[in-house]
Amino acid sequence: MTAYTRITVAPISGALGAEISGVSVADELDAETIGEIRAALLDHLVIFFRDQDLPVDRHKAFTRRFGDIFIHPNYQLGQEDKETVYLLRRPGDTSVAGENWHADTTMMETPPMGAILYALETPEFGGDTLFANQYRAYDALSDAMKAMLDGVQAAHSDIRIAGPQSGVNAKRSSQVRADADWRPTVNTHPVVQIHPESGRKGLFVNPIYTTHLDGMSDAESTPILDFLYRHQCRPEFTCRFRWKQGSIAFWDNRCTLHLAIHDNHDCVRHMQRTQIAG
């Protein structure tokens, strides 16, 4: 683990996750502080900040310290700002964005490396987010399963969560493209990814985007994926973050899954998000 001198890092679970204090991310931070924040992300996979004031221009400026901003193709609804996504949950919504385990936007040829989510408005209770460590999920597999998965590719598509056939816009306030010109984006990725910075192996499938194992029939592919989906979010691989207004979650999309818990149906939950290109 890194020895930190610019920030204070307090782990929140044994599996992953740490709260960072002693820094305002809206400030013009020096390279050493940014370096420690990046190190904390690599050490803990998801990091959290409390009591932040993060206008959208400063949000984007902070994001760019870690890479180019990723433009999400399914949230382009004619808005002027294409770099920021607003995730809104209103009373009466029967669904919320991200309510199943997933990594973000994995149907892309190069999925985003991470995301920075800032809470504009949160309920008094509920609406937490769960995160799962995919290094630990891989490490806990048997040697035989690891050998079987070595070199296997999985197909990822956004057909379940965007487009007119998905029906998601009728259920929630966070709208996505559903126009007649929409077409699914499909790419394949290794089921076991090697993280480009840590060099560690982790599972890289998820039930929102992964459709099948490449080169296998559905009868062969489905039980393997169903097992991996159950396995990769076992409680001992996870942490839970309780949101408050002004909180930030910054996760490494290459080695984590996350899930938005839809458990307070009378509340408003309004979040501001950027993604970092892979």
Protein backbone atom coordinates (compact mmCIF):
# COMPACT_ATOMS: atom_id res chain seq x y z
CA MET A 1 0.00 0.00 0.00
CA THR A 2 1.03 3.56 -0.70
CA ALA A 3 2.36 5.85 2.05
CA TYR A 4 0.19 8.98 1.77
CA THR A 5 1.37 12.43 2.77
CA ARG A 6 -1.06 14.74 0.89
CA ILE A 7 -4.35 12.97 1.70
CA THR A 8 -5.82 10.81 4.46
CA VAL A 9 -7.09 7.39 3.39
CA ALA A 10 -9.45 5.34 5.59
CA PRO A 11 -10.61 1.92 4.29
CA ILE A 12 -14.34 1.21 4.71
CA SER A 13 -14.31 -2.58 4.24
CA GLY A 14 -11.96 -5.51 3.98
CA ALA A 15 -12.70 -6.06 0.30
CA LEU A 16 -12.40 -2.61 -1.29
CA GLY A 17 -13.27 1.05 -0.79
CA ALA A 18 -11.72 3.92 1.16
CA GLU A 19 -12.80 7.41 2.20
CA ILE A 20 -10.39 10.20 1.29
CA SER A 21 -10.18 13.33 3.42
CA GLY A 22 -7.98 16.38 3.65
CA VAL A 23 -8.60 17.54 0.09
CA SER A 24 -11.13 19.57 -1.91
CA VAL A 25 -11.28 18.07 -5.40
CA ALA A 26 -12.67 21.32 -6.84
CA ASP A 27 -9.32 23.02 -6.17
CA GLU A 28 -6.41 23.22 -8.61
CA LEU A 29 -4.54 20.31 -7.07
CA ASP A 30 -0.82 19.80 -7.59
CA ALA A 31 0.57 16.76 -9.39
CA GLU A 32 1.68 15.09 -6.14
CA THR A 33 -1.84 15.21 -4.68
CA ILE A 34 -3.38 13.90 -7.91
CA GLY A 35 -0.77 11.14 -7.88
CA GLU A 36 -1.79 10.11 -4.36
CA ILE A 37 -5.47 10.10 -5.31
CA ARG A 38 -4.69 7.85 -8.27
CA ALA A 39 -2.62 5.60 -6.03
CA ALA A 40 -5.52 5.37 -3.58
CA LEU A 41 -7.82 4.37 -6.45
CA LEU A 42 -5.42 1.61 -7.49
CA ASP A 43 -4.98 0.46 -3.88
CA HIS A 44 -8.68 0.46 -2.95
CA LEU A 45 -10.51 0.23 -6.35
CA VAL A 46 -13.17 2.75 -5.31
CA ILE A 47 -12.59 5.91 -3.30
CA PHE A 48 -15.06 8.29 -1.66
CA PHE A 49 -14.99 11.96 -0.72
CA ARG A 50 -17.42 13.74 1.63
CA ASP A 51 -18.64 17.33 1.92
CA GLN A 52 -17.44 18.44 -1.51
CA ASP A 53 -18.68 21.44 -3.52
CA LEU A 54 -18.24 20.43 -7.15
CA PRO A 55 -19.76 22.64 -9.86
CA VAL A 56 -19.85 20.93 -13.23
CA ASP A 57 -16.88 22.87 -14.63
CA ARG A 58 -14.70 21.83 -11.67
CA HIS A 59 -16.05 18.28 -11.88
CA LYS A 60 -14.85 18.06 -15.48
CA ALA A 61 -11.53 19.72 -14.65
CA PHE A 62 -10.89 17.16 -11.88
CA THR A 63 -11.85 14.31 -14.22
CA ARG A 64 -9.37 15.47 -16.86
CA ARG A 65 -6.51 15.10 -14.38
CA PHE A 66 -6.96 11.34 -14.84
CA GLY A 67 -7.63 11.16 -18.59
CA ASP A 68 -9.90 12.32 -21.38
CA ILE A 69 -13.62 12.53 -20.66
CA PHE A 70 -15.60 9.66 -22.17
CA ILE A 71 -18.76 10.61 -24.08
CA HIS A 72 -21.52 8.10 -23.33
CA PRO A 73 -23.28 7.31 -26.63
CA ASN A 74 -26.67 6.42 -25.15
CA TYR A 75 -27.09 9.61 -23.11
CA GLN A 76 -26.77 11.95 -26.10
CA LEU A 77 -30.28 13.44 -26.26
CA GLY A 78 -29.45 16.80 -27.84
CA GLN A 79 -28.07 18.46 -24.72
CA GLU A 80 -25.31 21.06 -25.05
CA ASP A 81 -22.99 19.42 -22.52
CA LYS A 82 -22.15 15.97 -23.88
CA GLU A 83 -19.52 15.24 -21.23
CA THR A 84 -21.75 15.16 -18.15
CA VAL A 85 -24.54 12.68 -17.42
CA TYR A 86 -27.25 13.45 -14.86
CA LEU A 87 -28.83 10.43 -13.20
CA LEU A 88 -32.20 11.30 -11.71
CA ARG A 89 -34.63 9.22 -9.69
CA ARG A 90 -38.06 10.71 -8.94
CA PRO A 91 -41.00 9.42 -6.88
CA GLY A 92 -43.02 7.08 -9.06
CA ASP A 93 -40.05 5.65 -10.94
CA THR A 94 -40.25 1.86 -10.99
CA SER A 95 -36.66 1.45 -12.15
CA VAL A 96 -33.35 3.28 -11.79
CA ALA A 97 -30.24 3.33 -13.94
CA GLY A 98 -27.72 0.75 -12.82
CA GLU A 99 -29.93 -1.29 -10.49
CA ASN A 100 -28.24 -4.56 -11.53
CA TRP A 101 -24.59 -5.44 -11.07
CA HIS A 102 -22.44 -4.03 -13.86
CA ALA A 103 -19.30 -2.29 -14.99
CA ASP A 104 -20.02 0.80 -17.06
CA THR A 105 -20.44 0.87 -20.83
CA THR A 106 -18.58 -2.40 -21.45
CA MET A 107 -20.11 -2.77 -24.92
CA MET A 108 -17.53 -0.24 -26.16
CA GLU A 109 -14.37 -1.42 -27.91
CA THR A 110 -12.45 0.39 -25.17
CA PRO A 111 -14.68 0.74 -22.08
CA PRO A 112 -14.09 3.71 -19.76
CA MET A 113 -11.39 3.26 -17.14
CA GLY A 114 -13.44 4.89 -14.41
CA ALA A 115 -16.24 7.19 -13.36
CA ILE A 116 -16.66 10.06 -10.91
CA LEU A 117 -20.17 10.36 -9.46
CA TYR A 118 -21.19 13.43 -7.41
CA ALA A 119 -24.34 13.64 -5.29
CA LEU A 120 -26.45 16.76 -5.92
CA GLU A 121 -29.50 15.58 -3.95
CA THR A 122 -29.90 12.45 -1.87
CA PRO A 123 -32.65 10.89 0.24
CA GLU A 124 -32.50 10.82 4.04
CA PHE A 125 -32.04 7.07 3.79
CA GLY A 126 -31.69 4.48 1.03
CA GLY A 127 -30.29 4.79 -2.45
CA ASP A 128 -26.91 3.36 -1.43
CA THR A 129 -24.43 1.95 -3.94
CA LEU A 130 -22.71 -1.44 -3.67
CA PHE A 131 -19.29 -2.16 -5.18
CA ALA A 132 -17.62 -5.54 -5.79
CA ASN A 133 -13.92 -6.37 -6.12
CA GLN A 134 -13.32 -8.39 -9.28
CA TYR A 135 -9.73 -9.25 -8.38
CA ARG A 136 -11.01 -11.12 -5.34
CA ALA A 137 -13.78 -12.69 -7.39
CA TYR A 138 -11.20 -14.12 -9.80
CA ASP A 139 -8.77 -15.18 -7.06
CA ALA A 140 -11.53 -17.16 -5.31
CA LEU A 141 -12.25 -19.33 -8.37
CA SER A 142 -10.94 -22.88 -8.46
CA ASP A 143 -7.82 -23.59 -10.49
CA ALA A 144 -9.93 -25.66 -12.89
CA MET A 145 -12.36 -22.77 -13.51
CA LYS A 146 -9.49 -20.34 -13.99
CA ALA A 147 -7.93 -22.69 -16.56
CA MET A 148 -11.26 -23.07 -18.40
CA LEU A 149 -11.81 -19.30 -18.58
CA ASP A 150 -8.27 -18.53 -19.73
CA GLY A 151 -8.48 -17.05 -23.23
CA VAL A 152 -12.31 -17.11 -23.39
CA GLN A 153 -13.97 -14.02 -24.85
CA ALA A 154 -17.42 -12.68 -23.94
CA ALA A 155 -19.72 -10.56 -26.09
CA HIS A 156 -20.99 -7.30 -24.58
CA SER A 157 -23.97 -5.34 -25.94
CA ASP A 158 -26.15 -2.42 -24.83
CA ILE A 159 -29.30 -3.96 -26.28
CA ARG A 160 -30.85 -4.52 -22.81
CA ILE A 161 -30.43 -0.96 -21.56
CA ALA A 162 -30.93 1.36 -24.53
CA GLY A 163 -32.84 1.58 -27.78
CA PRO A 164 -36.61 1.38 -28.41
CA GLN A 165 -36.75 -2.38 -27.70
CA SER A 166 -35.41 -1.98 -24.14
CA GLY A 167 -38.46 -0.15 -22.74
CA VAL A 168 -36.38 1.46 -19.99
CA ASN A 169 -37.52 5.05 -20.57
CA ALA A 170 -41.09 4.24 -19.55
CA LYS A 171 -39.90 3.17 -16.10
CA ARG A 172 -37.50 5.88 -15.00
CA SER A 173 -36.55 9.55 -15.14
CA SER A 174 -33.00 8.97 -16.45
CA GLN A 175 -33.63 8.76 -20.18
CA VAL A 176 -31.47 7.13 -22.86
CA ARG A 177 -31.56 7.05 -26.63
CA ALA A 178 -34.57 5.13 -27.96
CA ASP A 179 -34.89 6.67 -31.42
CA ALA A 180 -35.37 4.68 -34.61
CA ASP A 181 -31.77 5.38 -35.68
CA TRP A 182 -30.31 3.75 -32.57
CA ARG A 183 -28.30 0.61 -33.18
CA PRO A 184 -26.71 -1.68 -30.61
CA THR A 185 -22.98 -1.50 -29.97
CA VAL A 186 -21.37 -4.93 -29.59
CA ASN A 187 -17.77 -5.85 -28.78
CA THR A 188 -15.99 -8.79 -27.22
CA HIS A 189 -13.61 -8.72 -24.24
CA PRO A 190 -11.67 -11.40 -22.37
CA VAL A 191 -13.62 -12.90 -19.47
CA VAL A 192 -10.43 -12.54 -17.44
CA GLN A 193 -8.80 -9.13 -17.87
CA ILE A 194 -5.29 -8.15 -16.83
CA HIS A 195 -5.42 -4.68 -15.29
CA PRO A 196 -3.07 -2.39 -17.28
CA GLU A 197 -1.70 -0.64 -14.18
CA SER A 198 -1.77 -3.21 -11.39
CA GLY A 199 -1.06 -6.26 -13.58
CA ARG A 200 -3.62 -8.25 -11.58
CA LYS A 201 -6.23 -10.57 -13.09
CA GLY A 202 -9.94 -9.87 -12.56
CA LEU A 203 -13.27 -11.06 -13.90
CA PHE A 204 -14.73 -8.88 -16.65
CA VAL A 205 -18.33 -9.98 -17.24
CA ASN A 206 -21.58 -8.52 -15.93
CA PRO A 207 -25.29 -9.30 -16.29
CA ILE A 208 -26.30 -5.97 -17.86
CA TYR A 209 -23.95 -5.98 -20.84
CA THR A 210 -22.58 -9.52 -21.29
CA THR A 211 -24.75 -11.59 -23.64
CA HIS A 212 -22.82 -14.82 -24.21
CA LEU A 213 -19.43 -16.46 -24.30
CA ASP A 214 -17.94 -16.19 -27.76
CA GLY A 215 -17.85 -19.44 -29.73
CA MET A 216 -20.20 -21.30 -27.36
CA SER A 217 -23.84 -22.22 -27.71
CA ASP A 218 -26.36 -20.67 -25.32
CA ALA A 219 -26.71 -24.06 -23.61
CA GLU A 220 -22.97 -24.05 -22.90
CA SER A 221 -22.56 -20.35 -22.19
CA THR A 222 -25.54 -19.58 -19.96
CA PRO A 223 -24.74 -21.79 -16.95
CA ILE A 224 -21.13 -20.58 -16.87
CA LEU A 225 -22.18 -16.92 -16.96
CA ASP A 226 -24.95 -17.50 -14.40
CA PHE A 227 -22.38 -19.01 -12.04
CA LEU A 228 -19.97 -16.10 -12.56
CA TYR A 229 -22.74 -13.52 -12.01
CA ARG A 230 -23.62 -15.13 -8.65
CA HIS A 231 -20.01 -15.59 -7.67
CA GLN A 232 -18.60 -12.16 -8.54
CA CYS A 233 -20.83 -10.25 -6.11
CA ARG A 234 -20.50 -12.49 -3.05
CA PRO A 235 -20.78 -10.36 0.13
CA GLU A 236 -17.15 -10.84 1.08
CA PHE A 237 -16.10 -9.15 -2.18
CA THR A 238 -18.22 -6.03 -1.61
CA CYS A 239 -18.56 -2.70 0.17
CA ARG A 240 -21.59 -0.44 0.59
CA PHE A 241 -21.55 3.35 0.36
CA ARG A 242 -24.21 5.55 1.94
CA TRP A 243 -24.68 8.76 -0.01
CA LYS A 244 -25.04 12.25 1.40
CA GLN A 245 -25.30 15.49 -0.53
CA GLY A 246 -21.80 16.55 -1.57
CA SER A 247 -20.39 13.02 -1.59
CA ILE A 248 -18.29 11.64 -4.45
CA ALA A 249 -17.58 8.07 -5.53
CA PHE A 250 -14.67 7.50 -7.92
CA TRP A 251 -14.34 3.89 -9.09
CA ASP A 252 -11.96 1.91 -11.27
CA ASN A 253 -14.25 0.45 -13.94
CA ARG A 254 -11.62 -2.10 -14.97
CA CYS A 255 -11.74 -4.16 -11.77
CA THR A 256 -15.05 -3.42 -10.03
CA LEU A 257 -18.77 -3.90 -10.46
CA HIS A 258 -21.40 -1.66 -8.87
CA LEU A 259 -25.13 -1.57 -8.27
CA ALA A 260 -27.55 1.24 -7.35
CA ILE A 261 -29.99 0.03 -4.69
CA HIS A 262 -33.57 1.03 -5.51
CA ASP A 263 -35.06 0.83 -2.02
CA ASN A 264 -36.60 4.26 -1.29
CA HIS A 265 -39.45 4.74 -3.76
CA ASP A 266 -40.65 8.12 -2.43
CA CYS A 267 -37.37 10.01 -2.74
CA VAL A 268 -35.43 12.14 -5.17
CA ARG A 269 -31.87 11.08 -5.95
CA HIS A 270 -29.96 13.36 -8.32
CA MET A 271 -26.39 12.59 -9.35
CA GLN A 272 -23.83 14.22 -11.67
CA ARG A 273 -21.39 11.89 -13.44
CA THR A 274 -18.37 11.99 -15.67
CA GLN A 275 -16.52 9.01 -17.11
CA ILE A 276 -12.82 8.69 -17.92
CA ALA A 277 -11.84 7.23 -21.28
CA GLY A 278 -10.05 3.89 -21.23
